[in-house]
PDB file of N, CA and C in Angstrom:
ATOM      1  N   MET A   1      49.381  11.716  68.082  1.00  0.00           N
ATOM      2  CA  MET A   1      49.388  10.298  67.772  1.00  0.00           C
ATOM      3  C   MET A   1      48.580  10.038  66.506  1.00  0.00           C
ATOM      4  N   PHE A   2      47.331  10.522  66.478  1.00  0.00           N
ATOM      5  CA  PHE A   2      46.456  10.284  65.334  1.00  0.00           C
ATOM      6  C   PHE A   2      46.980  11.012  64.106  1.00  0.00           C
ATOM      7  N   GLY A   3      47.455  12.229  64.311  1.00  0.00           N
ATOM      8  CA  GLY A   3      47.970  13.010  63.200  1.00  0.00           C
ATOM      9  C   GLY A   3      49.205  12.385  62.571  1.00  0.00           C
ATOM     10  N   SER A   4      50.114  11.792  63.391  1.00  0.00           N
ATOM     11  CA  SER A   4      51.328  11.204  62.843  1.00  0.00           C
ATOM     12  C   SER A   4      51.020   9.954  62.036  1.00  0.00           C
ATOM     13  N   SER A   5      50.027   9.149  62.438  1.00  0.00           N
ATOM     14  CA  SER A   5      49.681   7.969  61.656  1.00  0.00           C
ATOM     15  C   SER A   5      49.045   8.367  60.334  1.00  0.00           C
ATOM     16  N   LEU A   6      48.252   9.426  60.345  1.00  0.00           N
ATOM     17  CA  LEU A   6      47.668   9.909  59.093  1.00  0.00           C
ATOM     18  C   LEU A   6      48.752  10.437  58.166  1.00  0.00           C
ATOM     19  N   GLN A   7      49.752  11.095  58.727  1.00  0.00           N
ATOM     20  CA  GLN A   7      50.833  11.602  57.902  1.00  0.00           C
ATOM     21  C   GLN A   7      51.614  10.446  57.267  1.00  0.00           C
ATOM     22  N   TRP A   8      51.788   9.336  58.008  1.00  0.00           N
ATOM     23  CA  TRP A   8      52.482   8.175  57.462  1.00  0.00           C
ATOM     24  C   TRP A   8      51.697   7.572  56.299  1.00  0.00           C
ATOM     25  N   VAL A   9      50.356   7.461  56.462  1.00  0.00           N
ATOM     26  CA  VAL A   9      49.528   6.905  55.397  1.00  0.00           C
ATOM     27  C   VAL A   9      49.566   7.833  54.188  1.00  0.00           C
ATOM     28  N   TRP A  10      49.495   9.128  54.424  1.00  0.00           N
ATOM     29  CA  TRP A  10      49.528  10.084  53.318  1.00  0.00           C
ATOM     30  C   TRP A  10      50.854  10.000  52.564  1.00  0.00           C
ATOM     31  N   ARG A  11      51.947   9.918  53.291  1.00  0.00           N
ATOM     32  CA  ARG A  11      53.258   9.804  52.638  1.00  0.00           C
ATOM     33  C   ARG A  11      53.365   8.506  51.850  1.00  0.00           C
ATOM     34  N   ALA A  12      52.839   7.412  52.407  1.00  0.00           N
ATOM     35  CA  ALA A  12      52.893   6.130  51.709  1.00  0.00           C
ATOM     36  C   ALA A  12      52.056   6.181  50.436  1.00  0.00           C
ATOM     37  N   TYR A  13      50.924   6.848  50.498  1.00  0.00           N
ATOM     38  CA  TYR A  13      50.057   6.938  49.326  1.00  0.00           C
ATOM     39  C   TYR A  13      50.667   7.820  48.240  1.00  0.00           C
ATOM     40  N   THR A  14      51.188   8.976  48.637  1.00  0.00           N
ATOM     41  CA  THR A  14      51.724   9.901  47.637  1.00  0.00           C
ATOM     42  C   THR A  14      53.066   9.436  47.068  1.00  0.00           C
ATOM     43  N   SER A  15      53.820   8.642  47.816  1.00  0.00           N
ATOM     44  CA  SER A  15      55.108   8.173  47.300  1.00  0.00           C
ATOM     45  C   SER A  15      54.962   6.954  46.400  1.00  0.00           C
ATOM     46  N   GLY A  16      53.793   6.326  46.388  1.00  0.00           N
ATOM     47  CA  GLY A  16      53.582   5.195  45.500  1.00  0.00           C
ATOM     48  C   GLY A  16      53.676   3.852  46.196  1.00  0.00           C
ATOM     49  N   LEU A  17      53.953   3.831  47.502  1.00  0.00           N
ATOM     50  CA  LEU A  17      53.995   2.553  48.207  1.00  0.00           C
ATOM     51  C   LEU A  17      52.615   1.899  48.227  1.00  0.00           C
ATOM     52  N   VAL A  18      51.567   2.733  48.310  1.00  0.00           N
ATOM     53  CA  VAL A  18      50.200   2.244  48.284  1.00  0.00           C
ATOM     54  C   VAL A  18      49.568   2.807  47.026  1.00  0.00           C
ATOM     55  N   SER A  19      48.998   1.953  46.192  1.00  0.00           N
ATOM     56  CA  SER A  19      48.369   2.458  44.975  1.00  0.00           C
ATOM     57  C   SER A  19      47.077   1.689  44.724  1.00  0.00           C
ATOM     58  N   LEU A  20      46.203   2.307  44.000  1.00  0.00           N
ATOM     59  CA  LEU A  20      44.951   1.670  43.610  1.00  0.00           C
ATOM     60  C   LEU A  20      45.201   0.900  42.318  1.00  0.00           C
ATOM     61  N   THR A  21      44.442  -0.177  42.092  1.00  0.00           N
ATOM     62  CA  THR A  21      44.718  -1.067  40.963  1.00  0.00           C
ATOM     63  C   THR A  21      44.326  -0.462  39.625  1.00  0.00           C
ATOM     64  N   ASN A  22      43.201   0.151  39.518  1.00  0.00           N
ATOM     65  CA  ASN A  22      42.718   0.677  38.253  1.00  0.00           C
ATOM     66  C   ASN A  22      43.136   2.142  38.112  1.00  0.00           C
ATOM     67  N   HIS A  23      43.661   2.504  36.953  1.00  0.00           N
ATOM     68  CA  HIS A  23      44.123   3.880  36.737  1.00  0.00           C
ATOM     69  C   HIS A  23      42.971   4.877  36.837  1.00  0.00           C
ATOM     70  N   TRP A  24      41.815   4.534  36.274  1.00  0.00           N
ATOM     71  CA  TRP A  24      40.671   5.443  36.297  1.00  0.00           C
ATOM     72  C   TRP A  24      40.136   5.611  37.711  1.00  0.00           C
ATOM     73  N   VAL A  25      40.144   4.538  38.481  1.00  0.00           N
ATOM     74  CA  VAL A  25      39.701   4.631  39.877  1.00  0.00           C
ATOM     75  C   VAL A  25      40.661   5.512  40.654  1.00  0.00           C
ATOM     76  N   GLU A  26      41.944   5.338  40.395  1.00  0.00           N
ATOM     77  CA  GLU A  26      42.940   6.161  41.093  1.00  0.00           C
ATOM     78  C   GLU A  26      42.792   7.626  40.705  1.00  0.00           C
ATOM     79  N   ALA A  27      42.552   7.885  39.419  1.00  0.00           N
ATOM     80  CA  ALA A  27      42.394   9.259  38.968  1.00  0.00           C
ATOM     81  C   ALA A  27      41.163   9.907  39.585  1.00  0.00           C
ATOM     82  N   ALA A  28      40.117   9.125  39.796  1.00  0.00           N
ATOM     83  CA  ALA A  28      38.895   9.670  40.384  1.00  0.00           C
ATOM     84  C   ALA A  28      38.998   9.786  41.893  1.00  0.00           C
ATOM     85  N   MET A  29      39.712   8.862  42.519  1.00  0.00           N
ATOM     86  CA  MET A  29      39.743   8.818  43.975  1.00  0.00           C
ATOM     87  C   MET A  29      40.836   9.694  44.584  1.00  0.00           C
ATOM     88  N   LYS A  30      41.871   9.994  43.840  1.00  0.00           N
ATOM     89  CA  LYS A  30      42.987  10.759  44.399  1.00  0.00           C
ATOM     90  C   LYS A  30      42.549  12.123  44.937  1.00  0.00           C
ATOM     91  N   PRO A  31      41.732  12.903  44.206  1.00  0.00           N
ATOM     92  CA  PRO A  31      41.275  14.174  44.787  1.00  0.00           C
ATOM     93  C   PRO A  31      40.409  13.979  46.036  1.00  0.00           C
ATOM     94  N   CYS A  32      39.588  12.929  46.030  1.00  0.00           N
ATOM     95  CA  CYS A  32      38.740  12.677  47.200  1.00  0.00           C
ATOM     96  C   CYS A  32      39.577  12.314  48.413  1.00  0.00           C
ATOM     97  N   ILE A  33      40.558  11.461  48.199  1.00  0.00           N
ATOM     98  CA  ILE A  33      41.424  11.060  49.312  1.00  0.00           C
ATOM     99  C   ILE A  33      42.235  12.255  49.796  1.00  0.00           C
ATOM    100  N   SER A  34      42.677  13.079  48.862  1.00  0.00           N
ATOM    101  CA  SER A  34      43.439  14.275  49.248  1.00  0.00           C
ATOM    102  C   SER A  34      42.583  15.199  50.107  1.00  0.00           C
ATOM    103  N   LEU A  35      41.371  15.443  49.666  1.00  0.00           N
ATOM    104  CA  LEU A  35      40.480  16.308  50.460  1.00  0.00           C
ATOM    105  C   LEU A  35      40.187  15.704  51.827  1.00  0.00           C
ATOM    106  N   PHE A  36      40.033  14.389  51.877  1.00  0.00           N
ATOM    107  CA  PHE A  36      39.779  13.741  53.164  1.00  0.00           C
ATOM    108  C   PHE A  36      40.946  13.975  54.120  1.00  0.00           C
ATOM    109  N   PHE A  37      42.164  13.720  53.658  1.00  0.00           N
ATOM    110  CA  PHE A  37      43.317  13.883  54.537  1.00  0.00           C
ATOM    111  C   PHE A  37      43.521  15.338  54.937  1.00  0.00           C
ATOM    112  N   ILE A  38      43.285  16.253  54.021  1.00  0.00           N
ATOM    113  CA  ILE A  38      43.416  17.681  54.358  1.00  0.00           C
ATOM    114  C   ILE A  38      42.403  18.068  55.422  1.00  0.00           C
ATOM    115  N   SER A  39      41.157  17.602  55.265  1.00  0.00           N
ATOM    116  CA  SER A  39      40.130  17.946  56.256  1.00  0.00           C
ATOM    117  C   SER A  39      40.443  17.334  57.618  1.00  0.00           C
ATOM    118  N   VAL A  40      40.960  16.099  57.629  1.00  0.00           N
ATOM    119  CA  VAL A  40      41.312  15.473  58.910  1.00  0.00           C
ATOM    120  C   VAL A  40      42.460  16.219  59.560  1.00  0.00           C
ATOM    121  N   LEU A  41      43.463  16.596  58.797  1.00  0.00           N
ATOM    122  CA  LEU A  41      44.595  17.332  59.365  1.00  0.00           C
ATOM    123  C   LEU A  41      44.169  18.692  59.894  1.00  0.00           C
ATOM    124  N   LEU A  42      43.288  19.380  59.160  1.00  0.00           N
ATOM    125  CA  LEU A  42      42.802  20.679  59.641  1.00  0.00           C
ATOM    126  C   LEU A  42      41.955  20.516  60.897  1.00  0.00           C
ATOM    127  N   THR A  43      41.172  19.453  60.944  1.00  0.00           N
ATOM    128  CA  THR A  43      40.342  19.214  62.121  1.00  0.00           C
ATOM    129  C   THR A  43      41.191  18.915  63.343  1.00  0.00           C
ATOM    130  N   THR A  44      42.222  18.096  63.176  1.00  0.00           N
ATOM    131  CA  THR A  44      43.093  17.803  64.319  1.00  0.00           C
ATOM    132  C   THR A  44      43.874  19.040  64.746  1.00  0.00           C
ATOM    133  N   ALA A  45      44.271  19.865  63.779  1.00  0.00           N
ATOM    134  CA  ALA A  45      44.977  21.103  64.139  1.00  0.00           C
ATOM    135  C   ALA A  45      44.050  22.046  64.896  1.00  0.00           C
ATOM    136  N   ALA A  46      42.789  22.118  64.468  1.00  0.00           N
ATOM    137  CA  ALA A  46      41.831  22.979  65.166  1.00  0.00           C
ATOM    138  C   ALA A  46      41.536  22.440  66.557  1.00  0.00           C
ATOM    139  N   ALA A  47      41.475  21.123  66.691  1.00  0.00           N
ATOM    140  CA  ALA A  47      41.217  20.533  68.006  1.00  0.00           C
ATOM    141  C   ALA A  47      42.384  20.786  68.944  1.00  0.00           C
ATOM    142  N   GLN A  48      43.597  20.730  68.426  1.00  0.00           N
ATOM    143  CA  GLN A  48      44.761  20.998  69.263  1.00  0.00           C
ATOM    144  C   GLN A  48      44.818  22.456  69.677  1.00  0.00           C
ATOM    145  N   SER A  49      44.422  23.366  68.795  1.00  0.00           N
ATOM    146  CA  SER A  49      44.445  24.783  69.165  1.00  0.00           C
ATOM    147  C   SER A  49      43.332  25.103  70.155  1.00  0.00           C
ATOM    148  N   ASP A  50      42.219  24.361  70.096  1.00  0.00           N
ATOM    149  CA  ASP A  50      41.137  24.580  71.057  1.00  0.00           C
ATOM    150  C   ASP A  50      41.531  24.148  72.461  1.00  0.00           C
ATOM    151  N   GLU A  51      42.417  23.169  72.562  1.00  0.00           N
ATOM    152  CA  GLU A  51      42.837  22.689  73.874  1.00  0.00           C
ATOM    153  C   GLU A  51      43.646  23.743  74.616  1.00  0.00           C
ATOM    154  N   THR A  52      44.330  24.605  73.895  1.00  0.00           N
ATOM    155  CA  THR A  52      45.167  25.601  74.553  1.00  0.00           C
ATOM    156  C   THR A  52      44.389  26.862  74.920  1.00  0.00           C
ATOM    157  N   SER A  53      43.245  27.080  74.276  1.00  0.00           N
ATOM    158  CA  SER A  53      42.468  28.286  74.576  1.00  0.00           C
ATOM    159  C   SER A  53      41.671  28.075  75.862  1.00  0.00           C
ATOM    160  N   PRO A  54      41.393  29.161  76.581  1.00  0.00           N
ATOM    161  CA  PRO A  54      40.636  29.024  77.830  1.00  0.00           C
ATOM    162  C   PRO A  54      39.200  28.576  77.535  1.00  0.00           C
ATOM    163  N   PRO A  55      38.609  27.825  78.443  1.00  0.00           N
ATOM    164  CA  PRO A  55      37.247  27.350  78.198  1.00  0.00           C
ATOM    165  C   PRO A  55      36.247  28.504  78.204  1.00  0.00           C
ATOM    166  N   ALA A  56      35.230  28.367  77.407  1.00  0.00           N
ATOM    167  CA  ALA A  56      34.182  29.391  77.325  1.00  0.00           C
ATOM    168  C   ALA A  56      33.354  29.364  78.602  1.00  0.00           C
ATOM    169  N   PRO A  57      32.832  30.504  79.022  1.00  0.00           N
ATOM    170  CA  PRO A  57      32.011  30.509  80.235  1.00  0.00           C
ATOM    171  C   PRO A  57      30.729  29.705  80.014  1.00  0.00           C
ATOM    172  N   LEU A  58      30.313  29.032  81.052  1.00  0.00           N
ATOM    173  CA  LEU A  58      29.103  28.215  80.965  1.00  0.00           C
ATOM    174  C   LEU A  58      27.873  29.107  80.981  1.00  0.00           C
ATOM    175  N   THR A  59      26.901  28.728  80.212  1.00  0.00           N
ATOM    176  CA  THR A  59      25.631  29.452  80.200  1.00  0.00           C
ATOM    177  C   THR A  59      24.554  28.546  80.755  1.00  0.00           C
ATOM    178  N   ARG A  60      23.588  29.157  81.363  1.00  0.00           N
ATOM    179  CA  ARG A  60      22.502  28.379  81.946  1.00  0.00           C
ATOM    180  C   ARG A  60      21.438  28.141  80.873  1.00  0.00           C
ATOM    181  N   LEU A  61      21.066  26.897  80.724  1.00  0.00           N
ATOM    182  CA  LEU A  61      20.057  26.547  79.745  1.00  0.00           C
ATOM    183  C   LEU A  61      18.694  26.521  80.418  1.00  0.00           C
ATOM    184  N   GLU A  62      17.708  27.030  79.731  1.00  0.00           N
ATOM    185  CA  GLU A  62      16.347  27.010  80.241  1.00  0.00           C
ATOM    186  C   GLU A  62      15.482  26.221  79.286  1.00  0.00           C
ATOM    187  N   TYR A  63      14.562  25.464  79.848  1.00  0.00           N
ATOM    188  CA  TYR A  63      13.666  24.641  79.040  1.00  0.00           C
ATOM    189  C   TYR A  63      12.257  25.202  79.126  1.00  0.00           C
ATOM    190  N   HIS A  64      11.671  25.457  77.966  1.00  0.00           N
ATOM    191  CA  HIS A  64      10.286  25.899  77.883  1.00  0.00           C
ATOM    192  C   HIS A  64       9.557  24.916  76.985  1.00  0.00           C
ATOM    193  N   SER A  65       8.619  24.212  77.538  1.00  0.00           N
ATOM    194  CA  SER A  65       7.895  23.217  76.774  1.00  0.00           C
ATOM    195  C   SER A  65       6.959  23.892  75.778  1.00  0.00           C
ATOM    196  N   VAL A  66       6.893  23.341  74.590  1.00  0.00           N
ATOM    197  CA  VAL A  66       5.978  23.865  73.587  1.00  0.00           C
ATOM    198  C   VAL A  66       4.550  23.425  73.871  1.00  0.00           C
ATOM    199  N   LEU A  67       4.379  22.521  74.789  1.00  0.00           N
ATOM    200  CA  LEU A  67       3.051  21.998  75.086  1.00  0.00           C
ATOM    201  C   LEU A  67       2.338  22.753  76.205  1.00  0.00           C
ATOM    202  N   THR A  68       2.943  23.824  76.727  1.00  0.00           N
ATOM    203  CA  THR A  68       2.290  24.554  77.811  1.00  0.00           C
ATOM    204  C   THR A  68       1.021  25.254  77.337  1.00  0.00           C
ATOM    205  N   GLN A  69       0.991  25.668  76.075  1.00  0.00           N
ATOM    206  CA  GLN A  69      -0.177  26.358  75.520  1.00  0.00           C
ATOM    207  C   GLN A  69      -1.161  25.395  74.862  1.00  0.00           C
ATOM    208  N   TYR A  70      -0.909  24.107  74.950  1.00  0.00           N
ATOM    209  CA  TYR A  70      -1.737  23.116  74.259  1.00  0.00           C
ATOM    210  C   TYR A  70      -3.142  23.083  74.835  1.00  0.00           C
ATOM    211  N   GLN A  71      -4.106  23.081  73.948  1.00  0.00           N
ATOM    212  CA  GLN A  71      -5.504  22.928  74.342  1.00  0.00           C
ATOM    213  C   GLN A  71      -6.038  21.680  73.666  1.00  0.00           C
ATOM    214  N   PRO A  72      -6.555  20.744  74.434  1.00  0.00           N
ATOM    215  CA  PRO A  72      -7.029  19.504  73.825  1.00  0.00           C
ATOM    216  C   PRO A  72      -8.240  19.746  72.935  1.00  0.00           C
ATOM    217  N   TYR A  73      -8.456  18.851  72.010  1.00  0.00           N
ATOM    218  CA  TYR A  73      -9.563  18.951  71.075  1.00  0.00           C
ATOM    219  C   TYR A  73     -10.876  18.806  71.827  1.00  0.00           C
ATOM    220  N   ARG A  74     -11.802  19.674  71.483  1.00  0.00           N
ATOM    221  CA  ARG A  74     -13.150  19.583  72.063  1.00  0.00           C
ATOM    222  C   ARG A  74     -14.149  19.439  70.924  1.00  0.00           C
ATOM    223  N   GLU A  75     -15.061  18.541  71.099  1.00  0.00           N
ATOM    224  CA  GLU A  75     -16.092  18.325  70.090  1.00  0.00           C
ATOM    225  C   GLU A  75     -16.986  19.554  70.007  1.00  0.00           C
ATOM    226  N   GLN A  76     -17.223  20.063  68.805  1.00  0.00           N
ATOM    227  CA  GLN A  76     -18.076  21.232  68.627  1.00  0.00           C
ATOM    228  C   GLN A  76     -19.516  20.778  68.431  1.00  0.00           C
ATOM    229  N   VAL A  77     -20.415  21.613  68.892  1.00  0.00           N
ATOM    230  CA  VAL A  77     -21.829  21.317  68.737  1.00  0.00           C
ATOM    231  C   VAL A  77     -22.204  21.611  67.284  1.00  0.00           C
ATOM    232  N   LEU A  78     -22.761  20.621  66.632  1.00  0.00           N
ATOM    233  CA  LEU A  78     -23.170  20.786  65.249  1.00  0.00           C
ATOM    234  C   LEU A  78     -24.652  21.132  65.185  1.00  0.00           C
ATOM    235  N   ILE A  79     -24.979  22.058  64.290  1.00  0.00           N
ATOM    236  CA  ILE A  79     -26.383  22.388  64.089  1.00  0.00           C
ATOM    237  C   ILE A  79     -26.733  22.029  62.649  1.00  0.00           C
ATOM    238  N   PRO A  80     -27.991  21.763  62.357  1.00  0.00           N
ATOM    239  CA  PRO A  80     -28.369  21.418  60.991  1.00  0.00           C
ATOM    240  C   PRO A  80     -28.014  22.546  60.024  1.00  0.00           C
ATOM    241  N   TRP A  81     -27.642  22.196  58.802  1.00  0.00           N
ATOM    242  CA  TRP A  81     -27.154  23.176  57.845  1.00  0.00           C
ATOM    243  C   TRP A  81     -28.219  24.188  57.457  1.00  0.00           C
ATOM    244  N   ARG A  82     -29.474  23.783  57.430  1.00  0.00           N
ATOM    245  CA  ARG A  82     -30.531  24.740  57.074  1.00  0.00           C
ATOM    246  C   ARG A  82     -30.644  25.817  58.158  1.00  0.00           C
ATOM    247  N   GLU A  83     -30.566  25.396  59.407  1.00  0.00           N
ATOM    248  CA  GLU A  83     -30.627  26.349  60.518  1.00  0.00           C
ATOM    249  C   GLU A  83     -29.431  27.301  60.472  1.00  0.00           C
ATOM    250  N   SER A  84     -28.253  26.766  60.134  1.00  0.00           N
ATOM    251  CA  SER A  84     -27.053  27.583  60.024  1.00  0.00           C
ATOM    252  C   SER A  84     -27.190  28.598  58.894  1.00  0.00           C
ATOM    253  N   ASN A  85     -27.712  28.163  57.750  1.00  0.00           N
ATOM    254  CA  ASN A  85     -27.906  29.087  56.632  1.00  0.00           C
ATOM    255  C   ASN A  85     -28.917  30.171  56.968  1.00  0.00           C
ATOM    256  N   ASP A  86     -29.988  29.823  57.679  1.00  0.00           N
ATOM    257  CA  ASP A  86     -30.986  30.815  58.068  1.00  0.00           C
ATOM    258  C   ASP A  86     -30.386  31.857  59.004  1.00  0.00           C
ATOM    259  N   MET A  87     -29.516  31.411  59.930  1.00  0.00           N
ATOM    260  CA  MET A  87     -28.889  32.337  60.866  1.00  0.00           C
ATOM    261  C   MET A  87     -27.964  33.318  60.117  1.00  0.00           C
ATOM    262  N   VAL A  88     -27.226  32.831  59.137  1.00  0.00           N
ATOM    263  CA  VAL A  88     -26.352  33.690  58.345  1.00  0.00           C
ATOM    264  C   VAL A  88     -27.185  34.697  57.551  1.00  0.00           C
ATOM    265  N   ALA A  89     -28.318  34.266  57.023  1.00  0.00           N
ATOM    266  CA  ALA A  89     -29.190  35.176  56.271  1.00  0.00           C
ATOM    267  C   ALA A  89     -29.728  36.276  57.172  1.00  0.00           C
ATOM    268  N   LYS A  90     -30.070  35.941  58.432  1.00  0.00           N
ATOM    269  CA  LYS A  90     -30.572  36.951  59.376  1.00  0.00           C
ATOM    270  C   LYS A  90     -29.485  37.975  59.708  1.00  0.00           C
ATOM    271  N   ILE A  91     -28.260  37.516  59.816  1.00  0.00           N
ATOM    272  CA  ILE A  91     -27.150  38.417  60.155  1.00  0.00           C
ATOM    273  C   ILE A  91     -26.880  39.384  59.011  1.00  0.00           C
ATOM    274  N   GLY A  92     -27.056  38.948  57.797  1.00  0.00           N
ATOM    275  CA  GLY A  92     -26.792  39.813  56.651  1.00  0.00           C
ATOM    276  C   GLY A  92     -26.058  39.093  55.546  1.00  0.00           C
ATOM    277  N   GLY A  93     -25.842  37.802  55.695  1.00  0.00           N
ATOM    278  CA  GLY A  93     -25.203  37.024  54.639  1.00  0.00           C
ATOM    279  C   GLY A  93     -23.734  37.327  54.485  1.00  0.00           C
ATOM    280  N   TRP A  94     -23.215  36.973  53.331  1.00  0.00           N
ATOM    281  CA  TRP A  94     -21.782  37.130  53.091  1.00  0.00           C
ATOM    282  C   TRP A  94     -21.367  38.593  53.034  1.00  0.00           C
ATOM    283  N   ARG A  95     -22.295  39.472  52.723  1.00  0.00           N
ATOM    284  CA  ARG A  95     -21.961  40.903  52.654  1.00  0.00           C
ATOM    285  C   ARG A  95     -21.588  41.444  54.037  1.00  0.00           C
ATOM    286  N   MET A  96     -22.248  40.944  55.070  1.00  0.00           N
ATOM    287  CA  MET A  96     -21.933  41.389  56.432  1.00  0.00           C
ATOM    288  C   MET A  96     -20.524  40.937  56.820  1.00  0.00           C
ATOM    289  N   TYR A  97     -20.165  39.695  56.455  1.00  0.00           N
ATOM    290  CA  TYR A  97     -18.815  39.221  56.754  1.00  0.00           C
ATOM    291  C   TYR A  97     -17.777  40.035  55.981  1.00  0.00           C
ATOM    292  N   ALA A  98     -18.076  40.379  54.725  1.00  0.00           N
ATOM    293  CA  ALA A  98     -17.151  41.186  53.934  1.00  0.00           C
ATOM    294  C   ALA A  98     -17.010  42.581  54.526  1.00  0.00           C
ATOM    295  N   LYS A  99     -18.107  43.148  55.033  1.00  0.00           N
ATOM    296  CA  LYS A  99     -18.064  44.477  55.645  1.00  0.00           C
ATOM    297  C   LYS A  99     -17.216  44.455  56.914  1.00  0.00           C
ATOM    298  N   GLU A 100     -17.379  43.412  57.737  1.00  0.00           N
ATOM    299  CA  GLU A 100     -16.577  43.292  58.962  1.00  0.00           C
ATOM    300  C   GLU A 100     -15.093  43.181  58.624  1.00  0.00           C
ATOM    301  N   ALA A 101     -14.773  42.389  57.607  1.00  0.00           N
ATOM    302  CA  ALA A 101     -13.373  42.217  57.221  1.00  0.00           C
ATOM    303  C   ALA A 101     -12.795  43.525  56.689  1.00  0.00           C
ATOM    304  N   ARG A 102     -13.581  44.275  55.908  1.00  0.00           N
ATOM    305  CA  ARG A 102     -13.116  45.542  55.354  1.00  0.00           C
ATOM    306  C   ARG A 102     -12.884  46.563  56.464  1.00  0.00           C
ATOM    307  N   GLN A 103     -13.772  46.594  57.461  1.00  0.00           N
ATOM    308  CA  GLN A 103     -13.622  47.542  58.572  1.00  0.00           C
ATOM    309  C   GLN A 103     -12.419  47.194  59.437  1.00  0.00           C
ATOM    310  N   ALA A 104     -12.166  45.900  59.606  1.00  0.00           N
ATOM    311  CA  ALA A 104     -11.030  45.485  60.435  1.00  0.00           C
ATOM    312  C   ALA A 104      -9.701  45.822  59.770  1.00  0.00           C
ATOM    313  N   SER A 105      -9.647  45.767  58.430  1.00  0.00           N
ATOM    314  CA  SER A 105      -8.385  46.015  57.743  1.00  0.00           C
ATOM    315  C   SER A 105      -8.171  47.479  57.393  1.00  0.00           C
ATOM    316  N   ALA A 106      -9.212  48.305  57.452  1.00  0.00           N
ATOM    317  CA  ALA A 106      -9.086  49.727  57.099  1.00  0.00           C
ATOM    318  C   ALA A 106      -8.388  50.476  58.231  1.00  0.00           C
ATOM    319  N   PRO A 107      -7.465  51.398  57.902  1.00  0.00           N
ATOM    320  CA  PRO A 107      -6.821  52.188  58.956  1.00  0.00           C
ATOM    321  C   PRO A 107      -7.833  53.141  59.589  1.00  0.00           C
ATOM    322  N   GLN A 108      -7.605  53.411  60.842  1.00  0.00           N
ATOM    323  CA  GLN A 108      -8.502  54.317  61.564  1.00  0.00           C
ATOM    324  C   GLN A 108      -8.331  55.733  61.024  1.00  0.00           C
ATOM    325  N   ALA A 109      -9.428  56.339  60.607  1.00  0.00           N
ATOM    326  CA  ALA A 109      -9.377  57.701  60.068  1.00  0.00           C
ATOM    327  C   ALA A 109      -9.250  58.697  61.214  1.00  0.00           C
ATOM    328  N   GLN A 110      -8.342  59.668  61.027  1.00  0.00           N
ATOM    329  CA  GLN A 110      -8.163  60.683  62.051  1.00  0.00           C
ATOM    330  C   GLN A 110      -9.143  61.819  61.772  1.00  0.00           C
ATOM    331  N   PRO A 111      -9.798  62.335  62.810  1.00  0.00           N
ATOM    332  CA  PRO A 111     -10.749  63.425  62.584  1.00  0.00           C
ATOM    333  C   PRO A 111     -10.014  64.665  62.089  1.00  0.00           C
ATOM    334  N   GLU A 112     -10.624  65.322  61.108  1.00  0.00           N
ATOM    335  CA  GLU A 112     -10.012  66.519  60.547  1.00  0.00           C
ATOM    336  C   GLU A 112     -10.302  67.723  61.440  1.00  0.00           C
ATOM    337  N   ALA A 113      -9.325  68.572  61.553  1.00  0.00           N
ATOM    338  CA  ALA A 113      -9.515  69.786  62.350  1.00  0.00           C
ATOM    339  C   ALA A 113     -10.404  70.751  61.579  1.00  0.00           C
ATOM    340  N   SER A 114     -11.207  71.487  62.292  1.00  0.00           N
ATOM    341  CA  SER A 114     -12.077  72.469  61.604  1.00  0.00           C
ATOM    342  C   SER A 114     -11.223  73.612  61.066  1.00  0.00           C
ATOM    343  N   HIS A 115     -11.790  74.368  60.187  1.00  0.00           N
ATOM    344  CA  HIS A 115     -11.037  75.443  59.540  1.00  0.00           C
ATOM    345  C   HIS A 115     -10.544  76.490  60.538  1.00  0.00           C
ATOM    346  N   GLY A 116     -11.306  76.768  61.513  1.00  0.00           N
ATOM    347  CA  GLY A 116     -10.938  77.809  62.465  1.00  0.00           C
ATOM    348  C   GLY A 116     -10.033  77.308  63.577  1.00  0.00           C
ATOM    349  N   ALA A 117      -9.749  76.021  63.649  1.00  0.00           N
ATOM    350  CA  ALA A 117      -8.958  75.478  64.762  1.00  0.00           C
ATOM    351  C   ALA A 117      -7.516  75.985  64.712  1.00  0.00           C
ATOM    352  N   ALA A 118      -6.984  76.245  63.545  1.00  0.00           N
ATOM    353  CA  ALA A 118      -5.582  76.674  63.449  1.00  0.00           C
ATOM    354  C   ALA A 118      -5.427  78.136  63.871  1.00  0.00           C
ATOM    355  N   HIS A 119      -6.503  78.936  63.857  1.00  0.00           N
ATOM    356  CA  HIS A 119      -6.401  80.353  64.171  1.00  0.00           C
ATOM    357  C   HIS A 119      -6.612  80.659  65.656  1.00  0.00           C
ATOM    358  N   GLU A 120      -6.967  79.666  66.386  1.00  0.00           N
ATOM    359  CA  GLU A 120      -7.269  79.953  67.807  1.00  0.00           C
ATOM    360  C   GLU A 120      -6.052  80.011  68.649  1.00  0.00           C
TER     361      GLU A 120
END
């Protein structure tokens, strides 16, 4: 039903029964209208072919909330900045943090076998 009415409009447009008033508008709009009708016809053809194919098996949907791992905001205890700086100085300052980061990123060294281990 829908496809036949579109075909009638398309035939009326291409035969000249329906025309746009301005030549430049018609020249610009004709490709757009053509693409529109082609896409509608292809869509209706695809919909008709889908009706004849067997339905796809149903799958069970599962819902997992992204909020299950949510932890609400907790106010942190603030200490005076001088006390914080003194604590960092006692630990070893920025060099200690750099050493920890370097050790964490370095690959674990494998112990070397002694020279005589291969002969045993």
